[in-house]
PDB file of N, CA and C in Angstrom:
ATOM      1  N   MET A   1     108.526 107.606  74.821  1.00  0.00           N
ATOM      2  CA  MET A   1     109.598 106.862  75.461  1.00  0.00           C
ATOM      3  C   MET A   1     110.901 106.974  74.677  1.00  0.00           C
ATOM      4  N   LYS A   2     110.869 107.512  73.473  1.00  0.00           N
ATOM      5  CA  LYS A   2     112.072 107.513  72.662  1.00  0.00           C
ATOM      6  C   LYS A   2     113.112 108.512  73.143  1.00  0.00           C
ATOM      7  N   GLY A   3     112.746 109.744  73.341  1.00  0.00           N
ATOM      8  CA  GLY A   3     113.720 110.734  73.774  1.00  0.00           C
ATOM      9  C   GLY A   3     114.638 111.150  72.648  1.00  0.00           C
ATOM     10  N   GLU A   4     115.740 111.783  73.008  1.00  0.00           N
ATOM     11  CA  GLU A   4     116.671 112.318  72.016  1.00  0.00           C
ATOM     12  C   GLU A   4     117.662 111.281  71.503  1.00  0.00           C
ATOM     13  N   ASP A   5     117.946 110.234  72.297  1.00  0.00           N
ATOM     14  CA  ASP A   5     118.939 109.235  71.894  1.00  0.00           C
ATOM     15  C   ASP A   5     118.351 108.110  71.058  1.00  0.00           C
ATOM     16  N   GLY A   6     117.074 108.183  70.754  1.00  0.00           N
ATOM     17  CA  GLY A   6     116.442 107.198  69.885  1.00  0.00           C
ATOM     18  C   GLY A   6     116.233 105.860  70.554  1.00  0.00           C
ATOM     19  N   VAL A   7     116.636 104.800  69.851  1.00  0.00           N
ATOM     20  CA  VAL A   7     116.361 103.432  70.283  1.00  0.00           C
ATOM     21  C   VAL A   7     117.063 103.107  71.601  1.00  0.00           C
ATOM     22  N   GLU A   8     118.281 103.588  71.787  1.00  0.00           N
ATOM     23  CA  GLU A   8     119.020 103.287  73.025  1.00  0.00           C
ATOM     24  C   GLU A   8     118.282 103.815  74.250  1.00  0.00           C
ATOM     25  N   GLU A   9     117.797 105.041  74.168  1.00  0.00           N
ATOM     26  CA  GLU A   9     117.066 105.618  75.295  1.00  0.00           C
ATOM     27  C   GLU A   9     115.716 104.928  75.477  1.00  0.00           C
ATOM     28  N   GLN A  10     115.101 104.498  74.403  1.00  0.00           N
ATOM     29  CA  GLN A  10     113.834 103.789  74.478  1.00  0.00           C
ATOM     30  C   GLN A  10     114.015 102.457  75.215  1.00  0.00           C
ATOM     31  N   ILE A  11     115.059 101.721  74.884  1.00  0.00           N
ATOM     32  CA  ILE A  11     115.327 100.445  75.549  1.00  0.00           C
ATOM     33  C   ILE A  11     115.628 100.665  77.022  1.00  0.00           C
ATOM     34  N   ARG A  12     116.411 101.686  77.340  1.00  0.00           N
ATOM     35  CA  ARG A  12     116.734 102.013  78.734  1.00  0.00           C
ATOM     36  C   ARG A  12     115.462 102.364  79.505  1.00  0.00           C
ATOM     37  N   SER A  13     114.594 103.166  78.888  1.00  0.00           N
ATOM     38  CA  SER A  13     113.336 103.565  79.528  1.00  0.00           C
ATOM     39  C   SER A  13     112.436 102.363  79.777  1.00  0.00           C
ATOM     40  N   LEU A  14     112.335 101.477  78.801  1.00  0.00           N
ATOM     41  CA  LEU A  14     111.501 100.292  78.954  1.00  0.00           C
ATOM     42  C   LEU A  14     112.049  99.357  80.031  1.00  0.00           C
ATOM     43  N   ASN A  15     113.376  99.239  80.124  1.00  0.00           N
ATOM     44  CA  ASN A  15     113.977  98.414  81.169  1.00  0.00           C
ATOM     45  C   ASN A  15     113.696  98.981  82.557  1.00  0.00           C
ATOM     46  N   ILE A  16     113.779 100.295  82.688  1.00  0.00           N
ATOM     47  CA  ILE A  16     113.484 100.934  83.972  1.00  0.00           C
ATOM     48  C   ILE A  16     112.014 100.736  84.326  1.00  0.00           C
ATOM     49  N   LEU A  17     111.129 100.912  83.351  1.00  0.00           N
ATOM     50  CA  LEU A  17     109.699 100.719  83.582  1.00  0.00           C
ATOM     51  C   LEU A  17     109.412  99.282  84.010  1.00  0.00           C
ATOM     52  N   PHE A  18     110.031  98.314  83.337  1.00  0.00           N
ATOM     53  CA  PHE A  18     109.841  96.909  83.683  1.00  0.00           C
ATOM     54  C   PHE A  18     110.319  96.639  85.106  1.00  0.00           C
ATOM     55  N   ASP A  19     111.471  97.177  85.474  1.00  0.00           N
ATOM     56  CA  ASP A  19     112.019  96.979  86.814  1.00  0.00           C
ATOM     57  C   ASP A  19     111.098  97.574  87.882  1.00  0.00           C
ATOM     58  N   VAL A  20     110.590  98.770  87.628  1.00  0.00           N
ATOM     59  CA  VAL A  20     109.677  99.415  88.580  1.00  0.00           C
ATOM     60  C   VAL A  20     108.394  98.603  88.709  1.00  0.00           C
ATOM     61  N   LEU A  21     107.827  98.164  87.587  1.00  0.00           N
ATOM     62  CA  LEU A  21     106.595  97.377  87.631  1.00  0.00           C
ATOM     63  C   LEU A  21     106.798  96.049  88.355  1.00  0.00           C
ATOM     64  N   LEU A  22     107.917  95.396  88.113  1.00  0.00           N
ATOM     65  CA  LEU A  22     108.190  94.116  88.760  1.00  0.00           C
ATOM     66  C   LEU A  22     108.376  94.308  90.267  1.00  0.00           C
ATOM     67  N   SER A  23     109.114  95.335  90.664  1.00  0.00           N
ATOM     68  CA  SER A  23     109.320  95.602  92.091  1.00  0.00           C
ATOM     69  C   SER A  23     108.008  95.961  92.771  1.00  0.00           C
ATOM     70  N   THR A  24     107.218  96.814  92.147  1.00  0.00           N
ATOM     71  CA  THR A  24     105.936  97.215  92.723  1.00  0.00           C
ATOM     72  C   THR A  24     104.992  96.029  92.824  1.00  0.00           C
ATOM     73  N   THR A  25     104.954  95.219  91.790  1.00  0.00           N
ATOM     74  CA  THR A  25     104.097  94.036  91.795  1.00  0.00           C
ATOM     75  C   THR A  25     104.521  93.075  92.895  1.00  0.00           C
ATOM     76  N   THR A  26     105.811  92.891  93.078  1.00  0.00           N
ATOM     77  CA  THR A  26     106.308  92.003  94.125  1.00  0.00           C
ATOM     78  C   THR A  26     105.923  92.520  95.506  1.00  0.00           C
ATOM     79  N   LEU A  27     106.030  93.828  95.715  1.00  0.00           N
ATOM     80  CA  LEU A  27     105.665  94.406  97.010  1.00  0.00           C
ATOM     81  C   LEU A  27     104.158  94.316  97.261  1.00  0.00           C
ATOM     82  N   MET A  28     103.350  94.392  96.206  1.00  0.00           N
ATOM     83  CA  MET A  28     101.896  94.346  96.348  1.00  0.00           C
ATOM     84  C   MET A  28     101.358  92.927  96.480  1.00  0.00           C
ATOM     85  N   ALA A  29     102.191  91.920  96.260  1.00  0.00           N
ATOM     86  CA  ALA A  29     101.722  90.533  96.184  1.00  0.00           C
ATOM     87  C   ALA A  29     101.000  90.070  97.442  1.00  0.00           C
ATOM     88  N   SER A  30     101.430  90.526  98.605  1.00  0.00           N
ATOM     89  CA  SER A  30     100.764  90.077  99.828  1.00  0.00           C
ATOM     90  C   SER A  30      99.415  90.766 100.028  1.00  0.00           C
ATOM     91  N   ILE A  31      99.203  91.898  99.390  1.00  0.00           N
ATOM     92  CA  ILE A  31      97.955  92.653  99.552  1.00  0.00           C
ATOM     93  C   ILE A  31      96.932  92.245  98.499  1.00  0.00           C
ATOM     94  N   THR A  32      97.369  92.117  97.265  1.00  0.00           N
ATOM     95  CA  THR A  32      96.479  91.744  96.158  1.00  0.00           C
ATOM     96  C   THR A  32      97.075  90.539  95.439  1.00  0.00           C
ATOM     97  N   PRO A  33      96.965  89.353  96.027  1.00  0.00           N
ATOM     98  CA  PRO A  33      97.668  88.187  95.480  1.00  0.00           C
ATOM     99  C   PRO A  33      97.236  87.768  94.083  1.00  0.00           C
ATOM    100  N   PHE A  34      95.946  87.811  93.792  1.00  0.00           N
ATOM    101  CA  PHE A  34      95.488  87.317  92.485  1.00  0.00           C
ATOM    102  C   PHE A  34      95.823  88.292  91.361  1.00  0.00           C
ATOM    103  N   LEU A  35      95.646  89.570  91.614  1.00  0.00           N
ATOM    104  CA  LEU A  35      95.977  90.591  90.622  1.00  0.00           C
ATOM    105  C   LEU A  35      97.474  90.578  90.299  1.00  0.00           C
ATOM    106  N   THR A  36      98.298  90.551  91.343  1.00  0.00           N
ATOM    107  CA  THR A  36      99.745  90.582  91.114  1.00  0.00           C
ATOM    108  C   THR A  36     100.243  89.290  90.474  1.00  0.00           C
ATOM    109  N   GLU A  37      99.605  88.176  90.786  1.00  0.00           N
ATOM    110  CA  GLU A  37      99.991  86.913  90.143  1.00  0.00           C
ATOM    111  C   GLU A  37      99.717  86.983  88.640  1.00  0.00           C
ATOM    112  N   GLN A  38      98.561  87.526  88.277  1.00  0.00           N
ATOM    113  CA  GLN A  38      98.224  87.683  86.860  1.00  0.00           C
ATOM    114  C   GLN A  38      99.228  88.612  86.171  1.00  0.00           C
ATOM    115  N   MET A  39      99.556  89.715  86.834  1.00  0.00           N
ATOM    116  CA  MET A  39     100.522  90.663  86.264  1.00  0.00           C
ATOM    117  C   MET A  39     101.885  89.994  86.088  1.00  0.00           C
ATOM    118  N   TYR A  40     102.321  89.256  87.106  1.00  0.00           N
ATOM    119  CA  TYR A  40     103.632  88.600  87.030  1.00  0.00           C
ATOM    120  C   TYR A  40     103.677  87.564  85.915  1.00  0.00           C
ATOM    121  N   GLN A  41     102.603  86.784  85.771  1.00  0.00           N
ATOM    122  CA  GLN A  41     102.596  85.776  84.709  1.00  0.00           C
ATOM    123  C   GLN A  41     102.700  86.422  83.327  1.00  0.00           C
ATOM    124  N   ASN A  42     102.133  87.612  83.164  1.00  0.00           N
ATOM    125  CA  ASN A  42     102.270  88.337  81.899  1.00  0.00           C
ATOM    126  C   ASN A  42     103.671  88.918  81.750  1.00  0.00           C
ATOM    127  N   MET A  43     104.233  89.431  82.850  1.00  0.00           N
ATOM    128  CA  MET A  43     105.567  90.034  82.800  1.00  0.00           C
ATOM    129  C   MET A  43     106.667  88.978  82.679  1.00  0.00           C
ATOM    130  N   LYS A  44     106.380  87.757  83.076  1.00  0.00           N
ATOM    131  CA  LYS A  44     107.382  86.688  83.059  1.00  0.00           C
ATOM    132  C   LYS A  44     107.917  86.422  81.655  1.00  0.00           C
ATOM    133  N   ASN A  45     107.136  86.793  80.642  1.00  0.00           N
ATOM    134  CA  ASN A  45     107.591  86.622  79.261  1.00  0.00           C
ATOM    135  C   ASN A  45     108.833  87.462  78.967  1.00  0.00           C
ATOM    136  N   GLY A  46     109.048  88.537  79.729  1.00  0.00           N
ATOM    137  CA  GLY A  46     110.199  89.406  79.518  1.00  0.00           C
ATOM    138  C   GLY A  46     111.384  89.081  80.405  1.00  0.00           C
ATOM    139  N   ILE A  47     111.306  87.989  81.174  1.00  0.00           N
ATOM    140  CA  ILE A  47     112.398  87.605  82.089  1.00  0.00           C
ATOM    141  C   ILE A  47     113.136  86.410  81.507  1.00  0.00           C
ATOM    142  N   ASP A  48     114.441  86.456  81.558  1.00  0.00           N
ATOM    143  CA  ASP A  48     115.280  85.354  81.079  1.00  0.00           C
ATOM    144  C   ASP A  48     115.041  84.120  81.960  1.00  0.00           C
ATOM    145  N   PRO A  49     114.668  82.978  81.372  1.00  0.00           N
ATOM    146  CA  PRO A  49     114.421  81.769  82.171  1.00  0.00           C
ATOM    147  C   PRO A  49     115.644  81.295  82.959  1.00  0.00           C
ATOM    148  N   ASN A  50     116.833  81.698  82.559  1.00  0.00           N
ATOM    149  CA  ASN A  50     118.046  81.313  83.283  1.00  0.00           C
ATOM    150  C   ASN A  50     118.267  82.155  84.541  1.00  0.00           C
ATOM    151  N   ASN A  51     117.526  83.258  84.681  1.00  0.00           N
ATOM    152  CA  ASN A  51     117.635  84.116  85.861  1.00  0.00           C
ATOM    153  C   ASN A  51     116.767  83.516  86.962  1.00  0.00           C
ATOM    154  N   LYS A  52     117.366  82.694  87.816  1.00  0.00           N
ATOM    155  CA  LYS A  52     116.621  81.965  88.843  1.00  0.00           C
ATOM    156  C   LYS A  52     116.078  82.873  89.947  1.00  0.00           C
ATOM    157  N   ASP A  53     116.619  84.093  90.082  1.00  0.00           N
ATOM    158  CA  ASP A  53     116.115  85.010  91.106  1.00  0.00           C
ATOM    159  C   ASP A  53     114.770  85.610  90.711  1.00  0.00           C
ATOM    160  N   LEU A  54     114.571  85.885  89.422  1.00  0.00           N
ATOM    161  CA  LEU A  54     113.351  86.555  88.967  1.00  0.00           C
ATOM    162  C   LEU A  54     112.376  85.628  88.252  1.00  0.00           C
ATOM    163  N   TYR A  55     112.871  84.542  87.678  1.00  0.00           N
ATOM    164  CA  TYR A  55     112.011  83.640  86.914  1.00  0.00           C
ATOM    165  C   TYR A  55     111.569  82.502  87.826  1.00  0.00           C
ATOM    166  N   GLN A  56     110.375  82.630  88.371  1.00  0.00           N
ATOM    167  CA  GLN A  56     109.824  81.629  89.284  1.00  0.00           C
ATOM    168  C   GLN A  56     108.450  81.193  88.783  1.00  0.00           C
ATOM    169  N   LYS A  57     107.907  80.145  89.384  1.00  0.00           N
ATOM    170  CA  LYS A  57     106.562  79.691  89.015  1.00  0.00           C
ATOM    171  C   LYS A  57     105.499  80.720  89.385  1.00  0.00           C
ATOM    172  N   SER A  58     105.717  81.399  90.507  1.00  0.00           N
ATOM    173  CA  SER A  58     104.737  82.345  91.014  1.00  0.00           C
ATOM    174  C   SER A  58     105.449  83.561  91.584  1.00  0.00           C
ATOM    175  N   ILE A  59     104.761  84.683  91.605  1.00  0.00           N
ATOM    176  CA  ILE A  59     105.328  85.900  92.188  1.00  0.00           C
ATOM    177  C   ILE A  59     105.578  85.726  93.674  1.00  0.00           C
ATOM    178  N   HIS A  60     104.854  84.810  94.299  1.00  0.00           N
ATOM    179  CA  HIS A  60     104.970  84.601  95.732  1.00  0.00           C
ATOM    180  C   HIS A  60     106.255  83.867  96.107  1.00  0.00           C
ATOM    181  N   PHE A  61     107.007  83.407  95.128  1.00  0.00           N
ATOM    182  CA  PHE A  61     108.299  82.782  95.382  1.00  0.00           C
ATOM    183  C   PHE A  61     109.454  83.771  95.248  1.00  0.00           C
ATOM    184  N   LEU A  62     109.161  84.999  94.843  1.00  0.00           N
ATOM    185  CA  LEU A  62     110.208  86.014  94.680  1.00  0.00           C
ATOM    186  C   LEU A  62     110.549  86.650  96.023  1.00  0.00           C
ATOM    187  N   GLN A  63     111.798  87.076  96.160  1.00  0.00           N
ATOM    188  CA  GLN A  63     112.223  87.801  97.347  1.00  0.00           C
ATOM    189  C   GLN A  63     111.768  89.255  97.242  1.00  0.00           C
ATOM    190  N   ILE A  64     111.512  89.877  98.394  1.00  0.00           N
ATOM    191  CA  ILE A  64     111.186  91.305  98.401  1.00  0.00           C
ATOM    192  C   ILE A  64     112.421  92.059  97.919  1.00  0.00           C
ATOM    193  N   PRO A  65     112.262  93.014  96.993  1.00  0.00           N
ATOM    194  CA  PRO A  65     113.428  93.715  96.440  1.00  0.00           C
ATOM    195  C   PRO A  65     114.160  94.550  97.492  1.00  0.00           C
ATOM    196  N   ASN A  66     115.480  94.631  97.348  1.00  0.00           N
ATOM    197  CA  ASN A  66     116.306  95.467  98.212  1.00  0.00           C
ATOM    198  C   ASN A  66     116.288  96.900  97.698  1.00  0.00           C
ATOM    199  N   PHE A  67     116.710  97.824  98.543  1.00  0.00           N
ATOM    200  CA  PHE A  67     116.796  99.206  98.117  1.00  0.00           C
ATOM    201  C   PHE A  67     118.226  99.694  98.331  1.00  0.00           C
ATOM    202  N   ASN A  68     118.575 100.736  97.594  1.00  0.00           N
ATOM    203  CA  ASN A  68     119.902 101.329  97.684  1.00  0.00           C
ATOM    204  C   ASN A  68     119.812 102.552  98.588  1.00  0.00           C
ATOM    205  N   GLU A  69     120.404 102.454  99.762  1.00  0.00           N
ATOM    206  CA  GLU A  69     120.316 103.536 100.736  1.00  0.00           C
ATOM    207  C   GLU A  69     121.004 104.807 100.243  1.00  0.00           C
ATOM    208  N   ASN A  70     121.937 104.685  99.318  1.00  0.00           N
ATOM    209  CA  ASN A  70     122.630 105.861  98.783  1.00  0.00           C
ATOM    210  C   ASN A  70     121.704 106.750  97.947  1.00  0.00           C
ATOM    211  N   LEU A  71     120.594 106.196  97.483  1.00  0.00           N
ATOM    212  CA  LEU A  71     119.672 106.966  96.650  1.00  0.00           C
ATOM    213  C   LEU A  71     118.677 107.787  97.468  1.00  0.00           C
ATOM    214  N   LEU A  72     118.652 107.601  98.790  1.00  0.00           N
ATOM    215  CA  LEU A  72     117.747 108.379  99.639  1.00  0.00           C
ATOM    216  C   LEU A  72     118.244 109.816  99.731  1.00  0.00           C
ATOM    217  N   ASP A  73     117.325 110.755  99.606  1.00  0.00           N
ATOM    218  CA  ASP A  73     117.658 112.180  99.638  1.00  0.00           C
ATOM    219  C   ASP A  73     117.130 112.786 100.934  1.00  0.00           C
ATOM    220  N   PRO A  74     118.023 113.197 101.852  1.00  0.00           N
ATOM    221  CA  PRO A  74     117.562 113.741 103.134  1.00  0.00           C
ATOM    222  C   PRO A  74     116.736 115.029 102.985  1.00  0.00           C
ATOM    223  N   VAL A  75     116.993 115.815 101.956  1.00  0.00           N
ATOM    224  CA  VAL A  75     116.231 117.048 101.739  1.00  0.00           C
ATOM    225  C   VAL A  75     114.771 116.710 101.423  1.00  0.00           C
ATOM    226  N   ILE A  76     114.571 115.748 100.532  1.00  0.00           N
ATOM    227  CA  ILE A  76     113.212 115.341 100.172  1.00  0.00           C
ATOM    228  C   ILE A  76     112.515 114.712 101.372  1.00  0.00           C
ATOM    229  N   GLU A  77     113.244 113.915 102.154  1.00  0.00           N
ATOM    230  CA  GLU A  77     112.648 113.309 103.339  1.00  0.00           C
ATOM    231  C   GLU A  77     112.201 114.372 104.336  1.00  0.00           C
ATOM    232  N   LYS A  78     112.996 115.409 104.521  1.00  0.00           N
ATOM    233  CA  LYS A  78     112.644 116.494 105.444  1.00  0.00           C
ATOM    234  C   LYS A  78     111.393 117.228 104.950  1.00  0.00           C
ATOM    235  N   ARG A  79     111.325 117.500 103.646  1.00  0.00           N
ATOM    236  CA  ARG A  79     110.147 118.164 103.074  1.00  0.00           C
ATOM    237  C   ARG A  79     108.892 117.304 103.265  1.00  0.00           C
ATOM    238  N   PHE A  80     109.054 116.009 103.069  1.00  0.00           N
ATOM    239  CA  PHE A  80     107.924 115.098 103.228  1.00  0.00           C
ATOM    240  C   PHE A  80     107.457 115.072 104.684  1.00  0.00           C
ATOM    241  N   GLU A  81     108.406 115.081 105.627  1.00  0.00           N
ATOM    242  CA  GLU A  81     108.038 115.116 107.046  1.00  0.00           C
ATOM    243  C   GLU A  81     107.252 116.388 107.374  1.00  0.00           C
ATOM    244  N   ARG A  82     107.683 117.522 106.817  1.00  0.00           N
ATOM    245  CA  ARG A  82     106.957 118.778 107.038  1.00  0.00           C
ATOM    246  C   ARG A  82     105.554 118.721 106.452  1.00  0.00           C
ATOM    247  N   MET A  83     105.413 118.126 105.266  1.00  0.00           N
ATOM    248  CA  MET A  83     104.116 117.987 104.641  1.00  0.00           C
ATOM    249  C   MET A  83     103.213 117.092 105.497  1.00  0.00           C
ATOM    250  N   GLN A  84     103.745 115.979 105.996  1.00  0.00           N
ATOM    251  CA  GLN A  84     102.971 115.095 106.857  1.00  0.00           C
ATOM    252  C   GLN A  84     102.519 115.825 108.116  1.00  0.00           C
ATOM    253  N   SER A  85     103.406 116.601 108.691  1.00  0.00           N
ATOM    254  CA  SER A  85     103.089 117.357 109.902  1.00  0.00           C
ATOM    255  C   SER A  85     101.956 118.357 109.636  1.00  0.00           C
ATOM    256  N   ALA A  86     102.021 119.050 108.501  1.00  0.00           N
ATOM    257  CA  ALA A  86     100.977 120.012 108.150  1.00  0.00           C
ATOM    258  C   ALA A  86      99.628 119.316 107.974  1.00  0.00           C
ATOM    259  N   ILE A  87      99.620 118.155 107.341  1.00  0.00           N
ATOM    260  CA  ILE A  87      98.380 117.403 107.145  1.00  0.00           C
ATOM    261  C   ILE A  87      97.824 116.942 108.487  1.00  0.00           C
ATOM    262  N   GLU A  88      98.699 116.422 109.354  1.00  0.00           N
ATOM    263  CA  GLU A  88      98.254 115.963 110.671  1.00  0.00           C
ATOM    264  C   GLU A  88      97.703 117.124 111.502  1.00  0.00           C
ATOM    265  N   ASN A  89      98.354 118.281 111.445  1.00  0.00           N
ATOM    266  CA  ASN A  89      97.866 119.456 112.172  1.00  0.00           C
ATOM    267  C   ASN A  89      96.510 119.908 111.635  1.00  0.00           C
ATOM    268  N   GLY A  90      96.335 119.887 110.324  1.00  0.00           N
ATOM    269  CA  GLY A  90      95.065 120.254 109.727  1.00  0.00           C
ATOM    270  C   GLY A  90      93.949 119.319 110.166  1.00  0.00           C
ATOM    271  N   ARG A  91      94.237 118.032 110.219  1.00  0.00           N
ATOM    272  CA  ARG A  91      93.229 117.063 110.668  1.00  0.00           C
ATOM    273  C   ARG A  91      92.911 117.246 112.150  1.00  0.00           C
ATOM    274  N   LEU A  92      93.924 117.548 112.945  1.00  0.00           N
ATOM    275  CA  LEU A  92      93.711 117.788 114.369  1.00  0.00           C
ATOM    276  C   LEU A  92      92.806 119.003 114.586  1.00  0.00           C
ATOM    277  N   ILE A  93      93.057 120.080 113.845  1.00  0.00           N
ATOM    278  CA  ILE A  93      92.224 121.279 113.957  1.00  0.00           C
ATOM    279  C   ILE A  93      90.795 120.973 113.510  1.00  0.00           C
ATOM    280  N   ARG A  94      90.633 120.225 112.431  1.00  0.00           N
ATOM    281  CA  ARG A  94      89.296 119.852 111.964  1.00  0.00           C
ATOM    282  C   ARG A  94      88.565 119.053 113.050  1.00  0.00           C
ATOM    283  N   ASP A  95      89.278 118.115 113.696  1.00  0.00           N
ATOM    284  CA  ASP A  95      88.643 117.325 114.753  1.00  0.00           C
ATOM    285  C   ASP A  95      88.194 118.205 115.911  1.00  0.00           C
ATOM    286  N   ARG A  96      89.041 119.139 116.312  1.00  0.00           N
ATOM    287  CA  ARG A  96      88.716 120.019 117.441  1.00  0.00           C
ATOM    288  C   ARG A  96      87.521 120.919 117.131  1.00  0.00           C
ATOM    289  N   LYS A  97      87.391 121.343 115.888  1.00  0.00           N
ATOM    290  CA  LYS A  97      86.306 122.259 115.509  1.00  0.00           C
ATOM    291  C   LYS A  97      85.109 121.510 114.907  1.00  0.00           C
ATOM    292  N   ASN A  98      85.174 120.161 114.922  1.00  0.00           N
ATOM    293  CA  ASN A  98      84.097 119.317 114.385  1.00  0.00           C
ATOM    294  C   ASN A  98      83.778 119.632 112.926  1.00  0.00           C
ATOM    295  N   ILE A  99      84.821 119.795 112.125  1.00  0.00           N
ATOM    296  CA  ILE A  99      84.663 120.028 110.685  1.00  0.00           C
ATOM    297  C   ILE A  99      84.989 118.715 109.955  1.00  0.00           C
ATOM    298  N   SER A 100      84.087 118.256 109.135  1.00  0.00           N
ATOM    299  CA  SER A 100      84.273 117.005 108.396  1.00  0.00           C
ATOM    300  C   SER A 100      85.431 117.151 107.399  1.00  0.00           C
ATOM    301  N   LEU A 101      86.071 116.020 107.103  1.00  0.00           N
ATOM    302  CA  LEU A 101      87.148 116.019 106.096  1.00  0.00           C
ATOM    303  C   LEU A 101      86.608 116.313 104.697  1.00  0.00           C
ATOM    304  N   LYS A 102      85.328 116.050 104.499  1.00  0.00           N
ATOM    305  CA  LYS A 102      84.717 116.278 103.194  1.00  0.00           C
ATOM    306  C   LYS A 102      84.362 117.748 102.951  1.00  0.00           C
ATOM    307  N   THR A 103      84.331 118.523 104.043  1.00  0.00           N
ATOM    308  CA  THR A 103      83.975 119.931 103.923  1.00  0.00           C
ATOM    309  C   THR A 103      85.190 120.741 103.480  1.00  0.00           C
ATOM    310  N   PRO A 104      85.085 121.451 102.344  1.00  0.00           N
ATOM    311  CA  PRO A 104      86.237 122.258 101.909  1.00  0.00           C
ATOM    312  C   PRO A 104      86.438 123.464 102.830  1.00  0.00           C
ATOM    313  N   LEU A 105      87.691 123.859 102.966  1.00  0.00           N
ATOM    314  CA  LEU A 105      88.013 125.038 103.790  1.00  0.00           C
ATOM    315  C   LEU A 105      88.197 126.261 102.903  1.00  0.00           C
ATOM    316  N   SER A 106      87.918 127.409 103.482  1.00  0.00           N
ATOM    317  CA  SER A 106      88.076 128.646 102.693  1.00  0.00           C
ATOM    318  C   SER A 106      89.536 129.076 102.658  1.00  0.00           C
TER     319      SER A 106
END
């Protein structure tokens, strides 16, 4: 996590990791409530108690995180759509030929 800039880059990396973990945990809270609650209670030690948006009694009191639409990459989205299409076509062909998903193809 250190990188070339030493401590500054390490702190930046840890902050990004914390933000990603907190956002992911918040999004998962409705699916795995007990696991995410445990994770949040451990992560709460790294949140400033004066930050009323992030420092709550429970993860279930947090708002779902917003996203920055400017960070979306249309090229990556197009590639992902093509990949999804290829997977769906492969599954369709397997269904038509009665080939199980567990059977490897040559």
